[in-house]
Each structure stands twice: as C-alpha cells, then as structure tokens.
C-alpha cells in the first residue's frame, strides 16, 4: 500500500530528523547513507529494515520513485548503519 504524498513530505521534514539518531541503533531501523545523483551531496535517510537470510529488505511505503531509492540504485551501492555498525551494500534492487 502506497502512503499519501503529504505524509511523505511531513516525514521528510519532521519525523526523519528525529528518527535519524534512533535509527542507527533500533532493532528494525537503519540509516541509509547515499550520494545524490545530481548534487553529489551525501544524505542520510532513516528506514525500516528487515533481514531475509543474508539480505536486507527495506519497505518502500512511498514507492520506488523516491530520490534516495533512485540514488542508491543508480550508484549501485550505499552504506547502511544498523545497530551501531556501518556496512557497505552493493547491487541494490
């Protein structure tokens, strides 16, 4: 189920800023670190994270057209901070 765009904007501006510090340590939370396709700037996005064997699954409640999703797919890699540890992830799908 895709969530409304207004909620996405509210979360981007408000909730995400509060969640970033917690997401680095939470059990089903993580922070995705990525580089902008056009700007070259680095960004940090708090996400839900689930393990599926040796892979991670990140739900996309706002769809796959979010900038951060397009950035990590375009780059073919990103880093992820989960439970205080940073990992490099390659070939995201």
Protein backbone atom coordinates (compact mmCIF):
# COMPACT_ATOMS: atom_id res chain seq x y z
CA UNK A 1 0.00 0.00 0.00
CA UNK A 2 1.42 3.35 -1.03
CA UNK A 3 1.14 6.17 1.53
CA UNK A 4 -0.02 9.72 0.67
CA UNK A 5 2.49 12.27 -0.63
CA UNK A 6 1.61 14.73 2.18
CA UNK A 7 2.71 12.16 4.74
CA UNK A 8 5.96 11.62 2.85
CA UNK A 9 6.69 15.34 2.95
CA UNK A 10 5.83 15.59 6.66
CA UNK A 11 8.12 12.65 7.45
CA UNK A 12 10.96 14.06 5.32
CA UNK A 13 10.85 17.45 7.02
CA UNK A 14 9.93 16.48 10.58
CA UNK A 15 9.91 12.84 11.58
CA UNK A 16 13.10 11.81 9.75
CA UNK A 17 15.16 14.41 11.61
CA UNK A 18 14.01 12.97 14.92
CA UNK A 19 14.43 9.35 13.81
CA UNK A 20 17.99 9.52 12.46
CA UNK A 21 19.75 9.20 15.84
CA UNK A 22 17.41 6.40 16.95
CA UNK A 23 17.51 4.55 13.63
CA UNK A 24 21.25 3.94 13.98
CA UNK A 25 20.59 1.70 16.99
CA UNK A 26 16.99 0.42 16.66
CA UNK A 27 16.32 -3.29 16.07
CA UNK A 28 14.33 -2.91 12.82
CA UNK A 29 15.67 0.52 11.93
CA UNK A 30 18.69 1.71 9.98
CA UNK A 31 20.12 4.78 8.29
CA UNK A 32 20.88 4.63 4.57
CA UNK A 33 23.87 6.82 3.58
CA UNK A 34 23.92 7.73 -0.11
CA UNK A 35 25.19 10.31 -2.58
CA UNK A 36 22.89 12.48 -4.68
CA UNK A 37 22.91 11.73 -8.41
CA UNK A 38 22.97 15.38 -9.45
CA UNK A 39 24.24 17.28 -6.43
CA UNK A 40 26.99 14.89 -5.33
CA UNK A 41 25.98 15.65 -1.73
CA UNK A 42 25.76 12.94 0.90
CA UNK A 43 22.41 12.20 2.51
CA UNK A 44 21.21 10.08 5.43
CA UNK A 45 17.73 8.56 5.39
CA UNK A 46 16.21 6.60 8.30
CA UNK A 47 14.42 3.45 7.12
CA UNK A 48 12.75 0.30 8.37
CA UNK A 49 14.99 -2.71 7.85
CA UNK A 50 14.30 -6.43 7.89
CA UNK A 51 16.66 -9.36 7.37
CA UNK A 52 15.87 -12.07 4.84
CA UNK A 53 18.64 -14.63 5.08
CA UNK A 54 21.85 -12.90 4.04
CA UNK A 55 19.96 -9.96 2.51
CA UNK A 56 18.23 -6.86 3.79
CA UNK A 57 14.71 -5.80 2.87
CA UNK A 58 13.73 -2.13 3.11
CA UNK A 59 9.99 -1.46 2.66
CA UNK A 60 9.18 1.40 0.28
CA UNK A 61 5.86 2.78 1.57
CA UNK A 62 6.14 5.88 -0.65
CA UNK A 63 7.10 3.95 -3.77
CA UNK A 64 10.31 3.29 -5.66
CA UNK A 65 10.42 6.78 -7.18
CA UNK A 66 11.84 8.46 -4.07
CA UNK A 67 15.11 10.30 -4.70
CA UNK A 68 17.08 8.23 -2.20
CA UNK A 69 15.94 4.98 -3.85
CA UNK A 70 16.87 6.23 -7.30
CA UNK A 71 20.24 7.42 -5.95
CA UNK A 72 21.24 4.06 -4.44
CA UNK A 73 20.05 2.07 -7.47
CA UNK A 74 21.86 4.45 -9.84
CA UNK A 75 25.09 4.30 -7.80
CA UNK A 76 24.86 0.52 -7.39
CA UNK A 77 25.91 0.82 -3.76
CA UNK A 78 25.31 2.60 -0.46
CA UNK A 79 26.25 2.26 3.16
CA UNK A 80 23.92 1.36 5.96
CA UNK A 81 24.19 1.94 9.71
CA UNK A 82 22.29 -0.71 11.66
CA UNK A 83 22.61 -1.35 15.40
CA UNK A 84 25.65 0.89 15.54
CA UNK A 85 27.58 -0.86 12.75
CA UNK A 86 28.12 0.51 9.27
CA UNK A 87 28.07 -1.83 6.27
CA UNK A 88 28.53 -1.34 2.56
CA UNK A 89 25.71 -2.69 0.42
CA UNK A 90 26.26 -3.39 -3.27
CA UNK A 91 23.88 -4.17 -6.14
CA UNK A 92 20.65 -2.91 -4.52
CA UNK A 93 17.43 -3.96 -6.25
